[in-house]
Amino acid sequence: MLTTSPAAPLPERLACMAADLRSLIAECNPDAVAVERIFFQTNVRTAISVAQASGVALAIAAAAGCEVAQYTPNEVKQAVAGYGAATKEQVQRMVTTQLGLAERPRPVDAADALALALCHLTVAPRLKRWEEAGR
């Protein structure tokens, strides 16, 4: 998991995140990167910083030549739990079940990341078929 110091200024945190993402993508060489789309935030200050971090991730992945996909939290919940308003608990349980894990991923962010990956694995092939059909 990538982390930055909460005490560091935002530009420094974003630069650190960019460097870490470049290294991780170079090491893992993924075909695709899925990022959670900012859908709704009640705290505007948090929403802006999360959107900036998301933009860094999107740009780094695209520059590395990865397929880049974005999904809203509701799309992830729908794909993984079958219900767009599923609770975090339900999503964690479905991630654990679908991946055959002995226990729930920790921390909770890890389960969210795995749910995003499962969503992409579910949705991307359908989208590709849709695009190939010219729709």
Foldseek 3Di string as FASTA:
>chain_A
DDDDDPVDDLVVRLVSLLVVLLVVCVVVVDQEDEDEDLDDDPDVVVSVSVVSSSVSNQVSCVVSVHHYYYHYQLLLCCQQQVGSPDDLVSLQVSLCVVVVHPDGDPDSVVSVRSSRVSSCVRVVVVVVVVVVVVD
